[in-house]
Amino acid sequence: MEKPKSRYIKTDDNTVYDSLTSLMWMANDSRLDLDKEVSWDEANDYAKEMNEKKFGGHSDWRLPTIHEASSLYDEEKLNKDFKGGDIKIDSVFPPGAGNCTWTSDERGSESQIVFYLNGCPYWYDKNDKTISHAVRLVRRG
């Protein structure tokens, strides 16, 4: 029996193309790259830095929308976060990432995240510097 084709295509420049959504993702998230979690402001600074570096040859990296970030969640997939816990994203993404990602969706002083443990979105106060997560940047492929 033939193995089903993956919707994800990993490239040599450490990006992952999603053929289902036509999005290009950074293979690593900020947790893997910076070895720490980041605040919402730091997530936006990280995007700016990756654009200045022209990561993967592109300068249009950004925080994903809630729908884009949620598209990575897949109940059938298994990966490991930085603490060794289960996250439900494809193994094309390296293990050791954060268990969630900040998104660009805002509501007043809050920003939404998606947890890859359960696929659920949550709102967090983006000005609360005691709250930090990871971010996986995206661009339109």
N, C-alpha and C. Protein backbone atom coordinates (compact mmCIF):
# COMPACT_ATOMS: atom_id res chain seq x y z
N MET A 1 0.84 -1.18 0.00
CA MET A 1 0.00 0.00 0.00
C MET A 1 0.89 1.24 0.00
N GLU A 2 0.54 2.19 -0.83
CA GLU A 2 1.32 3.41 -0.96
C GLU A 2 1.08 4.35 0.22
N LYS A 3 2.18 4.92 0.72
CA LYS A 3 2.09 5.87 1.83
C LYS A 3 1.41 7.14 1.35
N PRO A 4 0.43 7.67 2.11
CA PRO A 4 -0.24 8.90 1.67
C PRO A 4 0.74 10.07 1.63
N LYS A 5 0.57 10.91 0.64
CA LYS A 5 1.44 12.08 0.49
C LYS A 5 1.17 13.07 1.61
N SER A 6 2.25 13.63 2.13
CA SER A 6 2.12 14.66 3.15
C SER A 6 1.70 15.97 2.50
N ARG A 7 0.93 16.73 3.20
CA ARG A 7 0.55 18.06 2.70
C ARG A 7 1.69 19.04 2.86
N TYR A 8 2.71 18.67 3.67
CA TYR A 8 3.82 19.55 3.97
C TYR A 8 5.06 19.20 3.15
N ILE A 9 5.73 20.24 2.68
CA ILE A 9 6.97 20.07 1.93
C ILE A 9 8.04 20.88 2.65
N LYS A 10 9.04 20.18 3.20
CA LYS A 10 10.13 20.85 3.89
C LYS A 10 11.19 21.24 2.87
N THR A 11 11.68 22.46 2.99
CA THR A 11 12.67 22.96 2.04
C THR A 11 14.05 23.03 2.69
N ASP A 12 15.06 23.26 1.87
CA ASP A 12 16.43 23.35 2.36
C ASP A 12 16.68 24.62 3.17
N ASP A 13 15.81 25.61 3.06
CA ASP A 13 16.03 26.88 3.78
C ASP A 13 15.29 26.93 5.11
N ASN A 14 14.98 25.75 5.68
CA ASN A 14 14.35 25.63 6.99
C ASN A 14 12.94 26.24 7.02
N THR A 15 12.25 26.08 5.92
CA THR A 15 10.84 26.46 5.85
C THR A 15 10.01 25.23 5.48
N VAL A 16 8.71 25.32 5.74
CA VAL A 16 7.79 24.23 5.43
C VAL A 16 6.61 24.83 4.65
N TYR A 17 6.39 24.30 3.44
CA TYR A 17 5.26 24.74 2.62
C TYR A 17 4.07 23.82 2.88
N ASP A 18 2.92 24.41 3.13
CA ASP A 18 1.68 23.67 3.34
C ASP A 18 0.87 23.72 2.05
N SER A 19 0.81 22.59 1.35
CA SER A 19 0.13 22.56 0.04
C SER A 19 -1.39 22.67 0.18
N LEU A 20 -1.92 22.44 1.38
CA LEU A 20 -3.36 22.56 1.60
C LEU A 20 -3.79 24.02 1.73
N THR A 21 -2.99 24.82 2.43
CA THR A 21 -3.35 26.22 2.70
C THR A 21 -2.55 27.23 1.88
N SER A 22 -1.52 26.76 1.17
CA SER A 22 -0.59 27.62 0.41
C SER A 22 0.17 28.58 1.31
N LEU A 23 0.39 28.17 2.55
CA LEU A 23 1.17 28.97 3.49
C LEU A 23 2.58 28.40 3.61
N MET A 24 3.53 29.28 3.84
CA MET A 24 4.90 28.85 4.14
C MET A 24 5.16 29.19 5.60
N TRP A 25 5.63 28.21 6.34
CA TRP A 25 5.92 28.35 7.77
C TRP A 25 7.41 28.27 8.00
N MET A 26 7.89 28.94 9.02
CA MET A 26 9.24 28.69 9.48
C MET A 26 9.22 27.33 10.15
N ALA A 27 10.18 26.47 9.83
CA ALA A 27 10.21 25.14 10.44
C ALA A 27 10.38 25.26 11.95
N ASN A 28 11.30 26.11 12.38
CA ASN A 28 11.50 26.36 13.81
C ASN A 28 10.55 27.45 14.26
N ASP A 29 10.16 27.37 15.52
CA ASP A 29 9.43 28.50 16.10
C ASP A 29 10.41 29.30 16.96
N SER A 30 9.93 30.36 17.58
CA SER A 30 10.80 31.22 18.37
C SER A 30 11.39 30.48 19.57
N ARG A 31 10.69 29.50 20.11
CA ARG A 31 11.19 28.73 21.26
C ARG A 31 12.45 27.97 20.88
N LEU A 32 12.45 27.37 19.69
CA LEU A 32 13.63 26.65 19.20
C LEU A 32 14.77 27.62 18.85
N ASP A 33 14.44 28.72 18.20
CA ASP A 33 15.48 29.66 17.76
C ASP A 33 16.09 30.45 18.91
N LEU A 34 15.28 30.86 19.88
CA LEU A 34 15.75 31.75 20.94
C LEU A 34 16.00 31.04 22.27
N ASP A 35 15.59 29.78 22.36
CA ASP A 35 15.71 28.98 23.57
C ASP A 35 15.00 29.62 24.76
N LYS A 36 13.89 30.28 24.47
CA LYS A 36 13.06 30.87 25.52
C LYS A 36 11.69 31.16 24.94
N GLU A 37 10.73 31.40 25.81
CA GLU A 37 9.41 31.83 25.38
C GLU A 37 9.41 33.34 25.30
N VAL A 38 8.46 33.90 24.56
CA VAL A 38 8.45 35.34 24.31
C VAL A 38 7.10 35.96 24.62
N SER A 39 7.13 37.24 24.97
CA SER A 39 5.90 38.00 25.15
C SER A 39 5.34 38.33 23.77
N TRP A 40 4.14 38.90 23.75
CA TRP A 40 3.52 39.27 22.47
C TRP A 40 4.38 40.32 21.76
N ASP A 41 4.90 41.31 22.49
CA ASP A 41 5.77 42.32 21.87
C ASP A 41 7.04 41.68 21.33
N GLU A 42 7.62 40.75 22.10
CA GLU A 42 8.83 40.07 21.64
C GLU A 42 8.55 39.20 20.42
N ALA A 43 7.35 38.64 20.33
CA ALA A 43 6.96 37.85 19.15
C ALA A 43 6.97 38.74 17.91
N ASN A 44 6.45 39.95 18.05
CA ASN A 44 6.45 40.88 16.92
C ASN A 44 7.86 41.35 16.59
N ASP A 45 8.70 41.54 17.61
CA ASP A 45 10.11 41.89 17.38
C ASP A 45 10.84 40.76 16.65
N TYR A 46 10.52 39.54 17.01
CA TYR A 46 11.12 38.36 16.37
C TYR A 46 10.76 38.35 14.87
N ALA A 47 9.51 38.65 14.55
CA ALA A 47 9.09 38.71 13.15
C ALA A 47 9.87 39.79 12.41
N LYS A 48 10.02 40.95 13.04
CA LYS A 48 10.77 42.05 12.42
C LYS A 48 12.22 41.63 12.17
N GLU A 49 12.83 40.96 13.15
CA GLU A 49 14.21 40.50 13.01
C GLU A 49 14.37 39.49 11.88
N MET A 50 13.43 38.55 11.77
CA MET A 50 13.50 37.55 10.70
C MET A 50 13.34 38.20 9.33
N ASN A 51 12.52 39.26 9.26
CA ASN A 51 12.35 39.98 8.00
C ASN A 51 13.60 40.76 7.64
N GLU A 52 14.25 41.37 8.64
CA GLU A 52 15.50 42.09 8.38
C GLU A 52 16.59 41.14 7.90
N LYS A 53 16.58 39.91 8.40
CA LYS A 53 17.55 38.89 7.99
C LYS A 53 17.18 38.26 6.66
N LYS A 54 15.95 38.54 6.18
CA LYS A 54 15.41 37.90 4.98
C LYS A 54 15.48 36.37 5.11
N PHE A 55 14.96 35.90 6.25
CA PHE A 55 14.97 34.46 6.52
C PHE A 55 14.32 33.70 5.37
N GLY A 56 14.99 32.66 4.90
CA GLY A 56 14.47 31.84 3.80
C GLY A 56 14.35 32.62 2.51
N GLY A 57 15.02 33.79 2.42
CA GLY A 57 14.95 34.61 1.22
C GLY A 57 13.73 35.52 1.15
N HIS A 58 13.01 35.67 2.27
CA HIS A 58 11.78 36.46 2.29
C HIS A 58 11.80 37.51 3.39
N SER A 59 11.07 38.59 3.15
CA SER A 59 10.99 39.67 4.16
C SER A 59 9.54 40.00 4.50
N ASP A 60 8.65 39.00 4.39
CA ASP A 60 7.24 39.23 4.70
C ASP A 60 6.71 38.23 5.74
N TRP A 61 7.59 37.81 6.67
CA TRP A 61 7.17 36.93 7.75
C TRP A 61 6.30 37.70 8.74
N ARG A 62 5.32 37.01 9.32
CA ARG A 62 4.38 37.67 10.23
C ARG A 62 3.81 36.65 11.20
N LEU A 63 3.15 37.17 12.24
CA LEU A 63 2.41 36.30 13.14
C LEU A 63 1.21 35.74 12.38
N PRO A 64 0.89 34.47 12.59
CA PRO A 64 -0.26 33.90 11.89
C PRO A 64 -1.58 34.40 12.46
N THR A 65 -2.62 34.34 11.66
CA THR A 65 -3.97 34.57 12.18
C THR A 65 -4.36 33.35 13.00
N ILE A 66 -5.44 33.46 13.74
CA ILE A 66 -5.90 32.33 14.54
C ILE A 66 -6.25 31.14 13.64
N HIS A 67 -6.82 31.42 12.47
CA HIS A 67 -7.20 30.34 11.56
C HIS A 67 -5.98 29.66 10.95
N GLU A 68 -4.98 30.47 10.60
CA GLU A 68 -3.74 29.91 10.05
C GLU A 68 -3.05 29.04 11.10
N ALA A 69 -2.90 29.56 12.32
CA ALA A 69 -2.23 28.81 13.38
C ALA A 69 -3.00 27.53 13.71
N SER A 70 -4.31 27.61 13.71
CA SER A 70 -5.14 26.43 14.01
C SER A 70 -5.02 25.36 12.93
N SER A 71 -4.69 25.77 11.71
CA SER A 71 -4.58 24.80 10.61
C SER A 71 -3.43 23.81 10.82
N LEU A 72 -2.47 24.14 11.68
CA LEU A 72 -1.36 23.22 11.96
C LEU A 72 -1.75 22.11 12.93
N TYR A 73 -2.78 22.36 13.74
CA TYR A 73 -3.22 21.36 14.71
C TYR A 73 -3.86 20.18 13.98
N ASP A 74 -3.43 18.97 14.34
CA ASP A 74 -3.98 17.76 13.72
C ASP A 74 -4.01 16.66 14.78
N GLU A 75 -5.18 16.27 15.17
CA GLU A 75 -5.39 15.26 16.22
C GLU A 75 -4.65 13.95 15.90
N GLU A 76 -4.44 13.67 14.61
CA GLU A 76 -3.80 12.42 14.20
C GLU A 76 -2.27 12.48 14.24
N LYS A 77 -1.70 13.66 14.43
CA LYS A 77 -0.25 13.83 14.41
C LYS A 77 0.31 13.89 15.83
N LEU A 78 1.59 13.58 15.96
CA LEU A 78 2.23 13.61 17.26
C LEU A 78 3.64 14.17 17.13
N ASN A 79 3.95 15.15 17.95
CA ASN A 79 5.26 15.76 18.02
C ASN A 79 5.53 16.03 19.50
N LYS A 80 6.71 16.53 19.82
CA LYS A 80 7.07 16.80 21.21
C LYS A 80 7.43 18.27 21.37
N ASP A 81 6.96 18.86 22.49
CA ASP A 81 7.33 20.25 22.78
C ASP A 81 8.66 20.28 23.53
N PHE A 82 9.09 21.47 23.94
CA PHE A 82 10.39 21.64 24.58
C PHE A 82 10.51 20.97 25.94
N LYS A 83 9.38 20.60 26.53
CA LYS A 83 9.39 19.89 27.82
C LYS A 83 9.20 18.39 27.64
N GLY A 84 9.11 17.93 26.37
CA GLY A 84 8.88 16.52 26.10
C GLY A 84 7.42 16.13 26.09
N GLY A 85 6.53 17.13 26.23
CA GLY A 85 5.09 16.86 26.20
C GLY A 85 4.58 16.69 24.79
N ASP A 86 3.44 16.05 24.66
CA ASP A 86 2.83 15.82 23.35
C ASP A 86 2.19 17.09 22.81
N ILE A 87 2.44 17.35 21.54
CA ILE A 87 1.72 18.38 20.80
C ILE A 87 1.25 17.75 19.49
N LYS A 88 0.14 18.24 18.98
CA LYS A 88 -0.51 17.63 17.83
C LYS A 88 -0.24 18.43 16.55
N ILE A 89 1.05 18.45 16.16
CA ILE A 89 1.42 19.03 14.87
C ILE A 89 2.31 18.03 14.15
N ASP A 90 2.38 18.14 12.86
CA ASP A 90 3.12 17.19 12.03
C ASP A 90 4.60 17.13 12.41
N SER A 91 5.18 15.95 12.28
CA SER A 91 6.59 15.75 12.62
C SER A 91 7.54 16.34 11.58
N VAL A 92 7.01 16.95 10.52
CA VAL A 92 7.87 17.69 9.60
C VAL A 92 8.48 18.89 10.33
N PHE A 93 7.79 19.36 11.37
CA PHE A 93 8.31 20.43 12.21
C PHE A 93 9.21 19.82 13.28
N PRO A 94 10.38 20.41 13.54
CA PRO A 94 11.30 19.82 14.51
C PRO A 94 10.70 19.73 15.91
N PRO A 95 11.05 18.67 16.65
CA PRO A 95 10.60 18.58 18.04
C PRO A 95 11.30 19.64 18.89
N GLY A 96 10.70 19.95 20.03
CA GLY A 96 11.31 20.91 20.95
C GLY A 96 10.74 22.31 20.85
N ALA A 97 9.69 22.46 20.07
CA ALA A 97 9.05 23.77 19.90
C ALA A 97 8.18 24.10 21.12
N GLY A 98 7.64 25.30 21.11
CA GLY A 98 6.67 25.67 22.13
C GLY A 98 5.39 24.88 21.94
N ASN A 99 4.56 24.82 22.98
CA ASN A 99 3.30 24.06 22.86
C ASN A 99 2.15 24.92 22.35
N CYS A 100 2.45 26.17 21.99
CA CYS A 100 1.43 27.07 21.46
C CYS A 100 2.11 28.15 20.62
N THR A 101 1.30 28.97 19.98
CA THR A 101 1.83 30.10 19.23
C THR A 101 0.95 31.33 19.42
N TRP A 102 1.61 32.47 19.54
CA TRP A 102 0.90 33.74 19.50
C TRP A 102 0.31 33.90 18.10
N THR A 103 -0.78 34.64 18.00
CA THR A 103 -1.35 34.98 16.69
C THR A 103 -1.48 36.49 16.58
N SER A 104 -1.83 36.93 15.40
CA SER A 104 -2.02 38.36 15.15
C SER A 104 -3.41 38.84 15.53
N ASP A 105 -4.29 37.92 15.92
CA ASP A 105 -5.66 38.29 16.27
C ASP A 105 -5.68 39.03 17.61
N GLU A 106 -6.27 40.21 17.60
CA GLU A 106 -6.32 41.05 18.79
C GLU A 106 -7.76 41.43 19.14
N ARG A 107 -7.95 41.65 20.42
CA ARG A 107 -9.25 42.10 20.95
C ARG A 107 -8.91 43.03 22.10
N GLY A 108 -8.91 44.34 21.84
CA GLY A 108 -8.51 45.29 22.86
C GLY A 108 -7.07 45.04 23.27
N SER A 109 -6.84 44.79 24.56
CA SER A 109 -5.47 44.57 25.04
C SER A 109 -5.09 43.09 25.04
N GLU A 110 -5.90 42.26 24.39
CA GLU A 110 -5.62 40.83 24.36
C GLU A 110 -5.22 40.36 22.97
N SER A 111 -4.46 39.27 22.95
CA SER A 111 -4.11 38.59 21.71
C SER A 111 -4.42 37.11 21.90
N GLN A 112 -4.74 36.47 20.79
CA GLN A 112 -5.14 35.07 20.86
C GLN A 112 -3.95 34.16 20.58
N ILE A 113 -3.93 33.02 21.29
CA ILE A 113 -2.95 31.97 21.04
C ILE A 113 -3.69 30.69 20.70
N VAL A 114 -2.97 29.73 20.12
CA VAL A 114 -3.50 28.39 19.88
C VAL A 114 -2.59 27.42 20.62
N PHE A 115 -3.19 26.56 21.44
CA PHE A 115 -2.43 25.50 22.10
C PHE A 115 -2.42 24.28 21.19
N TYR A 116 -1.23 23.73 20.96
CA TYR A 116 -1.11 22.53 20.13
C TYR A 116 -1.24 21.24 20.93
N LEU A 117 -1.58 21.38 22.21
CA LEU A 117 -1.92 20.21 23.03
C LEU A 117 -3.34 19.75 22.70
N ASN A 118 -4.23 20.73 22.51
CA ASN A 118 -5.64 20.41 22.32
C ASN A 118 -6.31 21.17 21.17
N GLY A 119 -5.57 22.04 20.51
CA GLY A 119 -6.11 22.80 19.38
C GLY A 119 -6.99 23.97 19.78
N CYS A 120 -7.08 24.26 21.07
CA CYS A 120 -7.97 25.31 21.55
C CYS A 120 -7.31 26.69 21.51
N PRO A 121 -8.08 27.70 21.11
CA PRO A 121 -7.59 29.08 21.16
C PRO A 121 -7.91 29.69 22.52
N TYR A 122 -7.04 30.57 22.98
CA TYR A 122 -7.24 31.29 24.24
C TYR A 122 -6.83 32.74 24.05
N TRP A 123 -7.46 33.63 24.80
CA TRP A 123 -7.10 35.05 24.79
C TRP A 123 -6.19 35.34 25.98
N TYR A 124 -5.12 36.11 25.74
CA TYR A 124 -4.19 36.51 26.80
C TYR A 124 -3.95 38.01 26.70
N ASP A 125 -3.72 38.63 27.85
CA ASP A 125 -3.38 40.05 27.89
C ASP A 125 -1.99 40.22 27.30
N LYS A 126 -1.91 40.89 26.16
CA LYS A 126 -0.62 41.01 25.48
C LYS A 126 0.34 41.96 26.18
N ASN A 127 -0.15 42.74 27.14
CA ASN A 127 0.71 43.66 27.90
C ASN A 127 1.23 43.05 29.19
N ASP A 128 0.77 41.85 29.54
CA ASP A 128 1.22 41.17 30.75
C ASP A 128 2.57 40.51 30.46
N LYS A 129 3.62 41.11 30.95
CA LYS A 129 4.98 40.63 30.66
C LYS A 129 5.31 39.33 31.38
N THR A 130 4.43 38.87 32.28
CA THR A 130 4.67 37.59 32.95
C THR A 130 4.17 36.43 32.10
N ILE A 131 3.43 36.74 31.03
CA ILE A 131 2.90 35.72 30.14
C ILE A 131 3.81 35.63 28.93
N SER A 132 4.27 34.45 28.65
CA SER A 132 5.08 34.28 27.44
C SER A 132 4.79 32.92 26.82
N HIS A 133 4.90 32.89 25.53
CA HIS A 133 4.64 31.69 24.74
C HIS A 133 5.69 31.65 23.63
N ALA A 134 5.41 30.91 22.59
CA ALA A 134 6.26 30.88 21.41
C ALA A 134 5.48 31.49 20.26
N VAL A 135 6.16 31.68 19.14
CA VAL A 135 5.47 32.08 17.92
C VAL A 135 6.12 31.36 16.75
N ARG A 136 5.27 30.85 15.85
CA ARG A 136 5.76 30.25 14.60
C ARG A 136 5.32 31.18 13.49
N LEU A 137 6.28 31.76 12.82
CA LEU A 137 5.98 32.77 11.80
C LEU A 137 5.55 32.12 10.51
N VAL A 138 4.78 32.88 9.73
CA VAL A 138 4.18 32.40 8.50
C VAL A 138 4.24 33.48 7.44
N ARG A 139 4.09 33.07 6.20
CA ARG A 139 3.94 34.00 5.08
C ARG A 139 3.09 33.29 4.03
N ARG A 140 2.49 34.07 3.15
CA ARG A 140 1.70 33.47 2.07
C ARG A 140 2.68 32.89 1.07
N GLY A 141 2.58 31.58 0.81
CA GLY A 141 3.52 30.89 -0.08
C GLY A 141 3.39 31.34 -1.50
